[in-house]
PDB file of all heavy atoms in Angstrom:
ATOM      1  N   SER A   1     -85.013 -85.802  34.518  1.00  0.00           N
ATOM      2  CA  SER A   1     -84.597 -87.198  34.624  1.00  0.00           C
ATOM      3  C   SER A   1     -85.073 -87.948  33.391  1.00  0.00           C
ATOM      4  O   SER A   1     -85.907 -87.431  32.625  1.00  0.00           O
ATOM      5  CB  SER A   1     -85.158 -87.848  35.887  1.00  0.00           C
ATOM      6  OG  SER A   1     -86.565 -87.827  35.880  1.00  0.00           O
ATOM      7  N   GLY A   2     -84.539 -89.145  33.206  1.00  0.00           N
ATOM      8  CA  GLY A   2     -85.000 -90.001  32.115  1.00  0.00           C
ATOM      9  C   GLY A   2     -84.100 -90.042  30.904  1.00  0.00           C
ATOM     10  O   GLY A   2     -84.359 -90.801  29.959  1.00  0.00           O
ATOM     11  N   GLY A   3     -83.057 -89.248  30.887  1.00  0.00           N
ATOM     12  CA  GLY A   3     -82.137 -89.277  29.753  1.00  0.00           C
ATOM     13  C   GLY A   3     -81.307 -90.545  29.736  1.00  0.00           C
ATOM     14  O   GLY A   3     -81.318 -91.330  30.672  1.00  0.00           O
ATOM     15  N   GLY A   4     -80.585 -90.737  28.639  1.00  0.00           N
ATOM     16  CA  GLY A   4     -79.740 -91.906  28.508  1.00  0.00           C
ATOM     17  C   GLY A   4     -79.493 -92.243  27.060  1.00  0.00           C
ATOM     18  O   GLY A   4     -79.679 -91.405  26.168  1.00  0.00           O
ATOM     19  N   LEU A   5     -79.105 -93.480  26.838  1.00  0.00           N
ATOM     20  CA  LEU A   5     -78.822 -93.975  25.494  1.00  0.00           C
ATOM     21  C   LEU A   5     -80.053 -94.698  24.949  1.00  0.00           C
ATOM     22  O   LEU A   5     -80.633 -95.551  25.646  1.00  0.00           O
ATOM     23  CB  LEU A   5     -77.634 -94.939  25.536  1.00  0.00           C
ATOM     24  CG  LEU A   5     -77.248 -95.640  24.242  1.00  0.00           C
ATOM     25  CD1 LEU A   5     -76.779 -94.637  23.199  1.00  0.00           C
ATOM     26  CD2 LEU A   5     -76.180 -96.690  24.514  1.00  0.00           C
ATOM     27  N   VAL A   6     -80.436 -94.361  23.742  1.00  0.00           N
ATOM     28  CA  VAL A   6     -81.592 -94.999  23.100  1.00  0.00           C
ATOM     29  C   VAL A   6     -81.235 -95.292  21.658  1.00  0.00           C
ATOM     30  O   VAL A   6     -80.502 -94.521  21.016  1.00  0.00           O
ATOM     31  CB  VAL A   6     -82.845 -94.115  23.217  1.00  0.00           C
ATOM     32  CG1 VAL A   6     -82.656 -92.778  22.551  1.00  0.00           C
ATOM     33  CG2 VAL A   6     -84.086 -94.824  22.687  1.00  0.00           C
ATOM     34  N   GLN A   7     -81.746 -96.398  21.145  1.00  0.00           N
ATOM     35  CA  GLN A   7     -81.484 -96.742  19.750  1.00  0.00           C
ATOM     36  C   GLN A   7     -82.388 -95.954  18.821  1.00  0.00           C
ATOM     37  O   GLN A   7     -83.518 -95.598  19.201  1.00  0.00           O
ATOM     38  CB  GLN A   7     -81.714 -98.230  19.535  1.00  0.00           C
ATOM     39  CG  GLN A   7     -80.687 -99.114  20.220  1.00  0.00           C
ATOM     40  CD  GLN A   7     -80.829-100.576  19.816  1.00  0.00           C
ATOM     41  OE1 GLN A   7     -81.856-100.997  19.292  1.00  0.00           O
ATOM     42  NE2 GLN A   7     -79.786-101.358  20.062  1.00  0.00           N
ATOM     43  N   PRO A   8     -81.919 -95.678  17.622  1.00  0.00           N
ATOM     44  CA  PRO A   8     -82.792 -95.020  16.638  1.00  0.00           C
ATOM     45  C   PRO A   8     -84.082 -95.814  16.453  1.00  0.00           C
ATOM     46  O   PRO A   8     -84.054 -97.047  16.347  1.00  0.00           O
ATOM     47  CB  PRO A   8     -81.945 -95.028  15.363  1.00  0.00           C
ATOM     48  CG  PRO A   8     -80.537 -95.082  15.841  1.00  0.00           C
ATOM     49  CD  PRO A   8     -80.565 -95.922  17.085  1.00  0.00           C
ATOM     50  N   GLY A   9     -85.199 -95.096  16.447  1.00  0.00           N
ATOM     51  CA  GLY A   9     -86.486 -95.756  16.308  1.00  0.00           C
ATOM     52  C   GLY A   9     -87.082 -96.253  17.602  1.00  0.00           C
ATOM     53  O   GLY A   9     -88.213 -96.745  17.623  1.00  0.00           O
ATOM     54  N   GLY A  10     -86.356 -96.141  18.700  1.00  0.00           N
ATOM     55  CA  GLY A  10     -86.856 -96.565  19.997  1.00  0.00           C
ATOM     56  C   GLY A  10     -87.756 -95.515  20.627  1.00  0.00           C
ATOM     57  O   GLY A  10     -88.429 -94.753  19.914  1.00  0.00           O
ATOM     58  N   SER A  11     -87.780 -95.481  21.953  1.00  0.00           N
ATOM     59  CA  SER A  11     -88.552 -94.456  22.645  1.00  0.00           C
ATOM     60  C   SER A  11     -87.904 -94.144  23.984  1.00  0.00           C
ATOM     61  O   SER A  11     -87.179 -94.976  24.553  1.00  0.00           O
ATOM     62  CB  SER A  11     -90.003 -94.898  22.840  1.00  0.00           C
ATOM     63  OG  SER A  11     -90.072 -96.027  23.680  1.00  0.00           O
ATOM     64  N   LEU A  12     -88.175 -92.940  24.457  1.00  0.00           N
ATOM     65  CA  LEU A  12     -87.609 -92.472  25.720  1.00  0.00           C
ATOM     66  C   LEU A  12     -88.552 -91.416  26.277  1.00  0.00           C
ATOM     67  O   LEU A  12     -89.139 -90.644  25.503  1.00  0.00           O
ATOM     68  CB  LEU A  12     -86.221 -91.867  25.473  1.00  0.00           C
ATOM     69  CG  LEU A  12     -85.277 -91.671  26.660  1.00  0.00           C
ATOM     70  CD1 LEU A  12     -84.855 -93.022  27.215  1.00  0.00           C
ATOM     71  CD2 LEU A  12     -84.053 -90.884  26.219  1.00  0.00           C
ATOM     72  N   ARG A  13     -88.719 -91.382  27.592  1.00  0.00           N
ATOM     73  CA  ARG A  13     -89.542 -90.345  28.205  1.00  0.00           C
ATOM     74  C   ARG A  13     -88.715 -89.558  29.199  1.00  0.00           C
ATOM     75  O   ARG A  13     -88.165 -90.127  30.148  1.00  0.00           O
ATOM     76  CB  ARG A  13     -90.776 -90.923  28.888  1.00  0.00           C
ATOM     77  CG  ARG A  13     -91.749 -89.833  29.325  1.00  0.00           C
ATOM     78  CD  ARG A  13     -93.030 -90.366  29.918  1.00  0.00           C
ATOM     79  NE  ARG A  13     -92.872 -90.759  31.317  1.00  0.00           N
ATOM     80  CZ  ARG A  13     -93.872 -90.855  32.182  1.00  0.00           C
ATOM     81  NH1 ARG A  13     -95.105 -90.583  31.785  1.00  0.00           N
ATOM     82  NH2 ARG A  13     -93.650 -91.233  33.423  1.00  0.00           N
ATOM     83  N   LEU A  14     -88.676 -88.265  28.983  1.00  0.00           N
ATOM     84  CA  LEU A  14     -88.020 -87.358  29.918  1.00  0.00           C
ATOM     85  C   LEU A  14     -89.056 -86.785  30.880  1.00  0.00           C
ATOM     86  O   LEU A  14     -90.203 -86.554  30.503  1.00  0.00           O
ATOM     87  CB  LEU A  14     -87.330 -86.217  29.173  1.00  0.00           C
ATOM     88  CG  LEU A  14     -86.344 -86.591  28.075  1.00  0.00           C
ATOM     89  CD1 LEU A  14     -85.714 -85.327  27.492  1.00  0.00           C
ATOM     90  CD2 LEU A  14     -85.294 -87.554  28.574  1.00  0.00           C
ATOM     91  N   SER A  15     -88.612 -86.547  32.103  1.00  0.00           N
ATOM     92  CA  SER A  15     -89.463 -85.928  33.119  1.00  0.00           C
ATOM     93  C   SER A  15     -88.745 -84.728  33.709  1.00  0.00           C
ATOM     94  O   SER A  15     -87.510 -84.689  33.763  1.00  0.00           O
ATOM     95  CB  SER A  15     -89.781 -86.920  34.239  1.00  0.00           C
ATOM     96  OG  SER A  15     -90.433 -88.069  33.763  1.00  0.00           O
ATOM     97  N   CYS A  16     -89.515 -83.766  34.154  1.00  0.00           N
ATOM     98  CA  CYS A  16     -88.965 -82.594  34.830  1.00  0.00           C
ATOM     99  C   CYS A  16     -89.919 -82.221  35.959  1.00  0.00           C
ATOM    100  O   CYS A  16     -91.072 -81.873  35.699  1.00  0.00           O
ATOM    101  CB  CYS A  16     -88.792 -81.437  33.870  1.00  0.00           C
ATOM    102  SG  CYS A  16     -88.385 -79.860  34.669  1.00  0.00           S
ATOM    103  N   ARG A  17     -89.412 -82.295  37.173  1.00  0.00           N
ATOM    104  CA  ARG A  17     -90.232 -81.957  38.333  1.00  0.00           C
ATOM    105  C   ARG A  17     -89.809 -80.603  38.867  1.00  0.00           C
ATOM    106  O   ARG A  17     -88.626 -80.345  39.101  1.00  0.00           O
ATOM    107  CB  ARG A  17     -90.112 -83.017  39.415  1.00  0.00           C
ATOM    108  CG  ARG A  17     -91.089 -82.797  40.563  1.00  0.00           C
ATOM    109  CD  ARG A  17     -91.009 -83.912  41.591  1.00  0.00           C
ATOM    110  NE  ARG A  17     -92.039 -83.807  42.596  1.00  0.00           N
ATOM    111  CZ  ARG A  17     -92.020 -82.959  43.619  1.00  0.00           C
ATOM    112  NH1 ARG A  17     -90.981 -82.139  43.779  1.00  0.00           N
ATOM    113  NH2 ARG A  17     -93.001 -82.927  44.485  1.00  0.00           N
ATOM    114  N   GLY A  18     -90.794 -79.740  39.077  1.00  0.00           N
ATOM    115  CA  GLY A  18     -90.523 -78.412  39.585  1.00  0.00           C
ATOM    116  C   GLY A  18     -90.880 -78.278  41.047  1.00  0.00           C
ATOM    117  O   GLY A  18     -91.789 -78.948  41.539  1.00  0.00           O
ATOM    118  N   SER A  19     -90.153 -77.416  41.731  1.00  0.00           N
ATOM    119  CA  SER A  19     -90.466 -77.083  43.117  1.00  0.00           C
ATOM    120  C   SER A  19     -90.119 -75.617  43.344  1.00  0.00           C
ATOM    121  O   SER A  19     -89.312 -75.024  42.630  1.00  0.00           O
ATOM    122  CB  SER A  19     -89.679 -77.982  44.086  1.00  0.00           C
ATOM    123  OG  SER A  19     -88.287 -77.824  43.906  1.00  0.00           O
ATOM    124  N   GLY A  20     -90.773 -75.035  44.335  1.00  0.00           N
ATOM    125  CA  GLY A  20     -90.515 -73.627  44.631  1.00  0.00           C
ATOM    126  C   GLY A  20     -91.289 -72.660  43.763  1.00  0.00           C
ATOM    127  O   GLY A  20     -91.071 -71.448  43.837  1.00  0.00           O
ATOM    128  N   ILE A  21     -92.169 -73.184  42.907  1.00  0.00           N
ATOM    129  CA  ILE A  21     -93.010 -72.347  42.050  1.00  0.00           C
ATOM    130  C   ILE A  21     -94.439 -72.891  42.080  1.00  0.00           C
ATOM    131  O   ILE A  21     -94.659 -74.052  42.431  1.00  0.00           O
ATOM    132  CB  ILE A  21     -92.528 -72.317  40.582  1.00  0.00           C
ATOM    133  CG1 ILE A  21     -92.456 -73.743  39.995  1.00  0.00           C
ATOM    134  CG2 ILE A  21     -91.195 -71.610  40.458  1.00  0.00           C
ATOM    135  CD1 ILE A  21     -92.136 -73.792  38.513  1.00  0.00           C
ATOM    136  N   ILE A  22     -95.374 -72.026  41.710  1.00  0.00           N
ATOM    137  CA  ILE A  22     -96.760 -72.492  41.512  1.00  0.00           C
ATOM    138  C   ILE A  22     -96.787 -73.078  40.102  1.00  0.00           C
ATOM    139  O   ILE A  22     -97.035 -72.378  39.119  1.00  0.00           O
ATOM    140  CB  ILE A  22     -97.763 -71.353  41.695  1.00  0.00           C
ATOM    141  CG1 ILE A  22     -97.614 -70.751  43.099  1.00  0.00           C
ATOM    142  CG2 ILE A  22     -99.185 -71.866  41.490  1.00  0.00           C
ATOM    143  CD1 ILE A  22     -98.468 -69.527  43.345  1.00  0.00           C
ATOM    144  N   PHE A  23     -96.482 -74.367  40.011  1.00  0.00           N
ATOM    145  CA  PHE A  23     -96.209 -75.030  38.738  1.00  0.00           C
ATOM    146  C   PHE A  23     -97.297 -74.794  37.707  1.00  0.00           C
ATOM    147  O   PHE A  23     -97.003 -74.532  36.540  1.00  0.00           O
ATOM    148  CB  PHE A  23     -96.044 -76.526  39.001  1.00  0.00           C
ATOM    149  CG  PHE A  23     -95.596 -77.318  37.816  1.00  0.00           C
ATOM    150  CD1 PHE A  23     -94.250 -77.436  37.508  1.00  0.00           C
ATOM    151  CD2 PHE A  23     -96.534 -77.956  37.013  1.00  0.00           C
ATOM    152  CE1 PHE A  23     -93.843 -78.164  36.402  1.00  0.00           C
ATOM    153  CE2 PHE A  23     -96.136 -78.692  35.914  1.00  0.00           C
ATOM    154  CZ  PHE A  23     -94.780 -78.794  35.612  1.00  0.00           C
ATOM    155  N   SER A  24     -98.539 -74.849  38.138  1.00  0.00           N
ATOM    156  CA  SER A  24     -99.656 -74.743  37.190  1.00  0.00           C
ATOM    157  C   SER A  24     -99.754 -73.371  36.543  1.00  0.00           C
ATOM    158  O   SER A  24    -100.451 -73.212  35.533  1.00  0.00           O
ATOM    159  CB  SER A  24    -100.972 -75.087  37.887  1.00  0.00           C
ATOM    160  OG  SER A  24    -101.193 -74.200  38.971  1.00  0.00           O
ATOM    161  N   SER A  25     -99.066 -72.393  37.071  1.00  0.00           N
ATOM    162  CA  SER A  25     -99.114 -71.027  36.540  1.00  0.00           C
ATOM    163  C   SER A  25     -98.055 -70.760  35.477  1.00  0.00           C
ATOM    164  O   SER A  25     -98.041 -69.678  34.886  1.00  0.00           O
ATOM    165  CB  SER A  25     -98.943 -70.012  37.668  1.00  0.00           C
ATOM    166  OG  SER A  25     -99.992 -70.107  38.611  1.00  0.00           O
ATOM    167  N   TYR A  26     -97.173 -71.727  35.251  1.00  0.00           N
ATOM    168  CA  TYR A  26     -96.033 -71.531  34.359  1.00  0.00           C
ATOM    169  C   TYR A  26     -96.222 -72.270  33.035  1.00  0.00           C
ATOM    170  O   TYR A  26     -96.671 -73.428  33.018  1.00  0.00           O
ATOM    171  CB  TYR A  26     -94.741 -72.023  35.012  1.00  0.00           C
ATOM    172  CG  TYR A  26     -94.200 -71.083  36.054  1.00  0.00           C
ATOM    173  CD1 TYR A  26     -94.841 -70.938  37.284  1.00  0.00           C
ATOM    174  CD2 TYR A  26     -93.068 -70.324  35.814  1.00  0.00           C
ATOM    175  CE1 TYR A  26     -94.365 -70.060  38.239  1.00  0.00           C
ATOM    176  CE2 TYR A  26     -92.571 -69.451  36.770  1.00  0.00           C
ATOM    177  CZ  TYR A  26     -93.225 -69.323  37.979  1.00  0.00           C
ATOM    178  OH  TYR A  26     -92.739 -68.453  38.912  1.00  0.00           O
ATOM    179  N   ASP A  27     -95.867 -71.594  31.944  1.00  0.00           N
ATOM    180  CA  ASP A  27     -95.685 -72.296  30.685  1.00  0.00           C
ATOM    181  C   ASP A  27     -94.404 -73.125  30.822  1.00  0.00           C
ATOM    182  O   ASP A  27     -93.376 -72.628  31.304  1.00  0.00           O
ATOM    183  CB  ASP A  27     -95.526 -71.313  29.523  1.00  0.00           C
ATOM    184  CG  ASP A  27     -96.786 -70.501  29.272  1.00  0.00           C
ATOM    185  OD1 ASP A  27     -97.894 -71.014  29.546  1.00  0.00           O
ATOM    186  OD2 ASP A  27     -96.660 -69.362  28.798  1.00  0.00           O
ATOM    187  N   MET A  28     -94.457 -74.377  30.393  1.00  0.00           N
ATOM    188  CA  MET A  28     -93.318 -75.276  30.543  1.00  0.00           C
ATOM    189  C   MET A  28     -92.787 -75.678  29.166  1.00  0.00           C
ATOM    190  O   MET A  28     -93.564 -75.960  28.245  1.00  0.00           O
ATOM    191  CB  MET A  28     -93.723 -76.529  31.314  1.00  0.00           C
ATOM    192  CG  MET A  28     -94.231 -76.262  32.718  1.00  0.00           C
ATOM    193  SD  MET A  28     -93.011 -75.450  33.773  1.00  0.00           S
ATOM    194  CE  MET A  28     -91.691 -76.685  33.789  1.00  0.00           C
ATOM    195  N   GLY A  29     -91.477 -75.724  29.059  1.00  0.00           N
ATOM    196  CA  GLY A  29     -90.884 -76.067  27.771  1.00  0.00           C
ATOM    197  C   GLY A  29     -89.701 -77.008  27.903  1.00  0.00           C
ATOM    198  O   GLY A  29     -89.117 -77.154  28.979  1.00  0.00           O
ATOM    199  N   TRP A  30     -89.399 -77.653  26.806  1.00  0.00           N
ATOM    200  CA  TRP A  30     -88.181 -78.448  26.665  1.00  0.00           C
ATOM    201  C   TRP A  30     -87.335 -77.820  25.565  1.00  0.00           C
ATOM    202  O   TRP A  30     -87.838 -77.524  24.477  1.00  0.00           O
ATOM    203  CB  TRP A  30     -88.497 -79.894  26.299  1.00  0.00           C
ATOM    204  CG  TRP A  30     -89.051 -80.705  27.422  1.00  0.00           C
ATOM    205  CD1 TRP A  30     -90.371 -80.976  27.674  1.00  0.00           C
ATOM    206  CD2 TRP A  30     -88.311 -81.366  28.447  1.00  0.00           C
ATOM    207  NE1 TRP A  30     -90.488 -81.747  28.794  1.00  0.00           N
ATOM    208  CE2 TRP A  30     -89.240 -82.002  29.294  1.00  0.00           C
ATOM    209  CE3 TRP A  30     -86.952 -81.483  28.744  1.00  0.00           C
ATOM    210  CZ2 TRP A  30     -88.856 -82.752  30.407  1.00  0.00           C
ATOM    211  CZ3 TRP A  30     -86.561 -82.222  29.851  1.00  0.00           C
ATOM    212  CH2 TRP A  30     -87.504 -82.848  30.665  1.00  0.00           C
ATOM    213  N   TYR A  31     -86.067 -77.643  25.877  1.00  0.00           N
ATOM    214  CA  TYR A  31     -85.079 -77.151  24.921  1.00  0.00           C
ATOM    215  C   TYR A  31     -83.995 -78.205  24.803  1.00  0.00           C
ATOM    216  O   TYR A  31     -83.875 -79.084  25.650  1.00  0.00           O
ATOM    217  CB  TYR A  31     -84.454 -75.839  25.406  1.00  0.00           C
ATOM    218  CG  TYR A  31     -85.359 -74.647  25.346  1.00  0.00           C
ATOM    219  CD1 TYR A  31     -86.446 -74.504  26.204  1.00  0.00           C
ATOM    220  CD2 TYR A  31     -85.117 -73.616  24.433  1.00  0.00           C
ATOM    221  CE1 TYR A  31     -87.277 -73.399  26.152  1.00  0.00           C
ATOM    222  CE2 TYR A  31     -85.934 -72.491  24.375  1.00  0.00           C
ATOM    223  CZ  TYR A  31     -87.006 -72.392  25.242  1.00  0.00           C
ATOM    224  OH  TYR A  31     -87.814 -71.289  25.182  1.00  0.00           O
ATOM    225  N   ARG A  32     -83.172 -78.075  23.767  1.00  0.00           N
ATOM    226  CA  ARG A  32     -82.025 -78.977  23.649  1.00  0.00           C
ATOM    227  C   ARG A  32     -80.836 -78.235  23.062  1.00  0.00           C
ATOM    228  O   ARG A  32     -80.999 -77.252  22.322  1.00  0.00           O
ATOM    229  CB  ARG A  32     -82.365 -80.196  22.801  1.00  0.00           C
ATOM    230  CG  ARG A  32     -82.646 -79.920  21.332  1.00  0.00           C
ATOM    231  CD  ARG A  32     -83.122 -81.196  20.646  1.00  0.00           C
ATOM    232  NE  ARG A  32     -83.385 -80.995  19.222  1.00  0.00           N
ATOM    233  CZ  ARG A  32     -83.945 -81.911  18.437  1.00  0.00           C
ATOM    234  NH1 ARG A  32     -84.312 -83.105  18.957  1.00  0.00           N
ATOM    235  NH2 ARG A  32     -84.138 -81.680  17.162  1.00  0.00           N
ATOM    236  N   GLN A  33     -79.664 -78.753  23.417  1.00  0.00           N
ATOM    237  CA  GLN A  33     -78.427 -78.141  22.927  1.00  0.00           C
ATOM    238  C   GLN A  33     -77.442 -79.236  22.573  1.00  0.00           C
ATOM    239  O   GLN A  33     -77.033 -80.010  23.447  1.00  0.00           O
ATOM    240  CB  GLN A  33     -77.840 -77.201  23.977  1.00  0.00           C
ATOM    241  CG  GLN A  33     -76.658 -76.399  23.491  1.00  0.00           C
ATOM    242  CD  GLN A  33     -76.295 -75.277  24.448  1.00  0.00           C
ATOM    243  OE1 GLN A  33     -76.664 -75.288  25.630  1.00  0.00           O
ATOM    244  NE2 GLN A  33     -75.580 -74.283  23.943  1.00  0.00           N
ATOM    245  N   ALA A  34     -77.095 -79.298  21.310  1.00  0.00           N
ATOM    246  CA  ALA A  34     -76.084 -80.240  20.845  1.00  0.00           C
ATOM    247  C   ALA A  34     -74.710 -79.583  20.947  1.00  0.00           C
ATOM    248  O   ALA A  34     -74.613 -78.346  20.962  1.00  0.00           O
ATOM    249  CB  ALA A  34     -76.385 -80.657  19.407  1.00  0.00           C
ATOM    250  N   PRO A  35     -73.651 -80.370  20.991  1.00  0.00           N
ATOM    251  CA  PRO A  35     -72.295 -79.793  21.110  1.00  0.00           C
ATOM    252  C   PRO A  35     -72.008 -78.788  20.001  1.00  0.00           C
ATOM    253  O   PRO A  35     -72.230 -79.065  18.815  1.00  0.00           O
ATOM    254  CB  PRO A  35     -71.386 -81.017  21.002  1.00  0.00           C
ATOM    255  CG  PRO A  35     -72.217 -82.143  21.487  1.00  0.00           C
ATOM    256  CD  PRO A  35     -73.615 -81.835  21.033  1.00  0.00           C
ATOM    257  N   GLY A  36     -71.551 -77.617  20.385  1.00  0.00           N
ATOM    258  CA  GLY A  36     -71.180 -76.596  19.414  1.00  0.00           C
ATOM    259  C   GLY A  36     -72.342 -75.850  18.795  1.00  0.00           C
ATOM    260  O   GLY A  36     -72.146 -75.047  17.879  1.00  0.00           O
ATOM    261  N   LYS A  37     -73.553 -76.123  19.285  1.00  0.00           N
ATOM    262  CA  LYS A  37     -74.736 -75.475  18.703  1.00  0.00           C
ATOM    263  C   LYS A  37     -75.478 -74.671  19.764  1.00  0.00           C
ATOM    264  O   LYS A  37     -75.263 -74.829  20.956  1.00  0.00           O
ATOM    265  CB  LYS A  37     -75.656 -76.516  18.082  1.00  0.00           C
ATOM    266  CG  LYS A  37     -75.044 -77.246  16.887  1.00  0.00           C
ATOM    267  CD  LYS A  37     -76.056 -78.099  16.181  1.00  0.00           C
ATOM    268  CE  LYS A  37     -75.456 -78.738  14.933  1.00  0.00           C
ATOM    269  NZ  LYS A  37     -76.463 -79.558  14.195  1.00  0.00           N
ATOM    270  N   GLN A  38     -76.385 -73.820  19.329  1.00  0.00           N
ATOM    271  CA  GLN A  38     -77.171 -73.023  20.255  1.00  0.00           C
ATOM    272  C   GLN A  38     -78.274 -73.872  20.871  1.00  0.00           C
ATOM    273  O   GLN A  38     -78.611 -74.949  20.366  1.00  0.00           O
ATOM    274  CB  GLN A  38     -77.786 -71.825  19.532  1.00  0.00           C
ATOM    275  CG  GLN A  38     -78.833 -72.180  18.492  1.00  0.00           C
ATOM    276  CD  GLN A  38     -79.400 -70.950  17.788  1.00  0.00           C
ATOM    277  OE1 GLN A  38     -78.799 -69.886  17.806  1.00  0.00           O
ATOM    278  NE2 GLN A  38     -80.563 -71.090  17.186  1.00  0.00           N
ATOM    279  N   ARG A  39     -78.836 -73.366  21.966  1.00  0.00           N
ATOM    280  CA  ARG A  39     -79.952 -74.042  22.614  1.00  0.00           C
ATOM    281  C   ARG A  39     -81.228 -73.711  21.845  1.00  0.00           C
ATOM    282  O   ARG A  39     -81.563 -72.543  21.643  1.00  0.00           O
ATOM    283  CB  ARG A  39     -80.058 -73.581  24.062  1.00  0.00           C
ATOM    284  CG  ARG A  39     -81.046 -74.361  24.886  1.00  0.00           C
ATOM    285  CD  ARG A  39     -81.002 -73.942  26.351  1.00  0.00           C
ATOM    286  NE  ARG A  39     -79.710 -74.227  26.954  1.00  0.00           N
ATOM    287  CZ  ARG A  39     -79.457 -74.069  28.265  1.00  0.00           C
ATOM    288  NH1 ARG A  39     -80.421 -73.659  29.076  1.00  0.00           N
ATOM    289  NH2 ARG A  39     -78.265 -74.331  28.735  1.00  0.00           N
TER     290      ARG A  39
END
């Protein structure tokens, strides 16, 4: 959650809530994929 439109130079915070796993045992990452590009 937390995505949207932001102006250049602004700020934004993304959140990701996990369930069904022992969250503290997992390495957590953020990836991104732009149109036509790899993740």
